[in-house]
């Protein structure tokens, strides 16, 4: 499940990932992202990842399609997790041009928000 939290900072989109990710989750994320992008231009993303239990094939395809089409519309992405493989993924994604991605531990959420601002 992807939970999208309201945020006081307009250009920051905060999401919590916990459990199974569905096509509907991806579609809701895309809709809110597009609204924010229209209003604020490039978006900063705070993504807090707890557990990923399942990822339907349709959700994977939607996610890949969205990422390919909108990668350059992100400015910074802060990934908060204790999952080592996700932290490593955030380091690898820094080779993609135009987007800064940084890993933070759960106790560093305020630091992550400060980095995004």
Protein backbone atom coordinates (compact mmCIF):
# COMPACT_ATOMS: atom_id res chain seq x y z
CA UNK A 1 0.00 0.00 0.00
CA UNK A 2 1.16 3.49 -0.79
CA UNK A 3 -0.09 6.22 1.55
CA UNK A 4 0.28 9.78 0.34
CA UNK A 5 0.50 12.28 3.18
CA UNK A 6 -0.51 15.91 2.87
CA UNK A 7 2.51 18.16 3.16
CA UNK A 8 2.86 21.80 4.17
CA UNK A 9 5.70 22.32 1.71
CA UNK A 10 3.99 22.49 -1.66
CA UNK A 11 6.76 21.05 -3.84
CA UNK A 12 7.34 18.06 -1.54
CA UNK A 13 5.34 14.89 -2.00
CA UNK A 14 5.50 12.52 0.99
CA UNK A 15 4.63 8.85 0.56
CA UNK A 16 4.75 5.84 2.86
CA UNK A 17 5.16 2.38 1.35
CA UNK A 18 4.06 -0.50 3.55
CA UNK A 19 2.72 -3.81 2.31
CA UNK A 20 1.48 -4.81 -1.12
CA UNK A 21 1.65 -2.22 -3.89
CA UNK A 22 -1.25 -2.32 -6.31
CA UNK A 23 -2.01 -0.75 -9.66
CA UNK A 24 -4.52 1.49 -7.88
CA UNK A 25 -1.75 2.74 -5.55
CA UNK A 26 0.44 3.62 -8.52
CA UNK A 27 -2.44 5.35 -10.31
CA UNK A 28 -3.27 7.46 -7.22
CA UNK A 29 0.40 8.42 -6.88
CA UNK A 30 0.52 9.44 -10.56
CA UNK A 31 -2.64 11.56 -10.26
CA UNK A 32 -1.39 13.48 -7.21
CA UNK A 33 2.09 13.84 -8.72
CA UNK A 34 0.65 15.36 -11.90
CA UNK A 35 -1.43 17.85 -9.89
CA UNK A 36 1.61 18.95 -7.88
CA UNK A 37 3.78 19.16 -10.98
CA UNK A 38 1.27 21.43 -12.70
CA UNK A 39 1.28 23.77 -9.72
CA UNK A 40 4.93 23.69 -8.64
CA UNK A 41 7.10 22.37 -11.47
CA UNK A 42 9.75 19.86 -10.37
CA UNK A 43 8.80 17.80 -7.34
CA UNK A 44 10.82 16.65 -4.35
CA UNK A 45 9.79 13.21 -3.08
CA UNK A 46 10.07 11.91 0.48
CA UNK A 47 9.56 8.15 0.29
CA UNK A 48 9.39 6.21 3.55
CA UNK A 49 9.67 2.48 2.86
CA UNK A 50 8.75 0.00 5.60
CA UNK A 51 7.80 -3.29 3.95
CA UNK A 52 7.15 -4.31 0.35
CA UNK A 53 5.24 -7.58 0.50
CA UNK A 54 4.00 -7.94 -3.02
CA UNK A 55 4.06 -6.03 -6.20
CA UNK A 56 1.52 -7.10 -8.79
CA UNK A 57 2.84 -7.40 -12.34
CA UNK A 58 0.45 -4.67 -13.46
CA UNK A 59 1.77 -2.39 -10.71
CA UNK A 60 5.36 -3.09 -11.76
CA UNK A 61 4.53 -2.21 -15.37
CA UNK A 62 2.70 0.99 -14.32
CA UNK A 63 5.62 1.98 -12.10
CA UNK A 64 8.22 1.40 -14.81
CA UNK A 65 6.17 3.29 -17.37
CA UNK A 66 5.67 6.22 -15.00
CA UNK A 67 9.36 6.30 -14.03
CA UNK A 68 10.51 6.33 -17.64
CA UNK A 69 8.12 9.14 -18.57
CA UNK A 70 8.56 11.36 -15.50
CA UNK A 71 12.04 10.79 -14.08
CA UNK A 72 13.25 14.27 -15.12
CA UNK A 73 10.29 15.92 -13.38
CA UNK A 74 11.73 15.09 -9.96
CA UNK A 75 14.32 17.36 -8.37
CA UNK A 76 15.34 15.38 -5.27
CA UNK A 77 14.22 12.06 -3.82
CA UNK A 78 14.85 11.20 -0.16
CA UNK A 79 14.43 7.51 0.61
CA UNK A 80 13.88 6.68 4.29
CA UNK A 81 14.28 2.99 5.09
CA UNK A 82 16.20 0.42 7.07
CA UNK A 83 16.21 -1.95 4.09
CA UNK A 84 19.81 -2.17 2.88
CA UNK A 85 18.88 -3.20 -0.68
CA UNK A 86 16.67 -0.12 -1.07
CA UNK A 87 19.42 2.12 0.29
CA UNK A 88 21.82 0.62 -2.24
CA UNK A 89 19.27 1.21 -4.99
CA UNK A 90 19.10 4.90 -4.07
CA UNK A 91 22.89 5.15 -4.50
CA UNK A 92 22.77 3.43 -7.88
CA UNK A 93 20.00 5.72 -9.11
CA UNK A 94 22.32 8.72 -8.68
CA UNK A 95 23.89 7.81 -12.00
CA UNK A 96 20.69 9.01 -13.68
CA UNK A 97 21.06 12.63 -14.71
CA UNK A 98 19.08 15.50 -13.25
CA UNK A 99 17.79 13.90 -10.03
CA UNK A 100 19.50 13.73 -6.66
CA UNK A 101 18.62 10.64 -4.61
CA UNK A 102 19.75 10.19 -1.02
CA UNK A 103 19.17 7.45 1.57
CA UNK A 104 18.22 8.23 5.18
CA UNK A 105 17.51 5.99 8.19
CA UNK A 106 14.12 6.20 9.96
CA UNK A 107 15.52 8.37 12.75
CA UNK A 108 16.71 10.92 10.16
CA UNK A 109 13.31 11.99 8.79
CA UNK A 110 13.76 15.65 9.81
CA UNK A 111 17.20 15.64 8.18
CA UNK A 112 15.64 14.23 4.99
CA UNK A 113 12.95 16.92 4.96
CA UNK A 114 15.57 19.63 5.48
CA UNK A 115 17.62 18.20 2.58
CA UNK A 116 14.55 18.32 0.31
CA UNK A 117 13.77 21.99 1.06
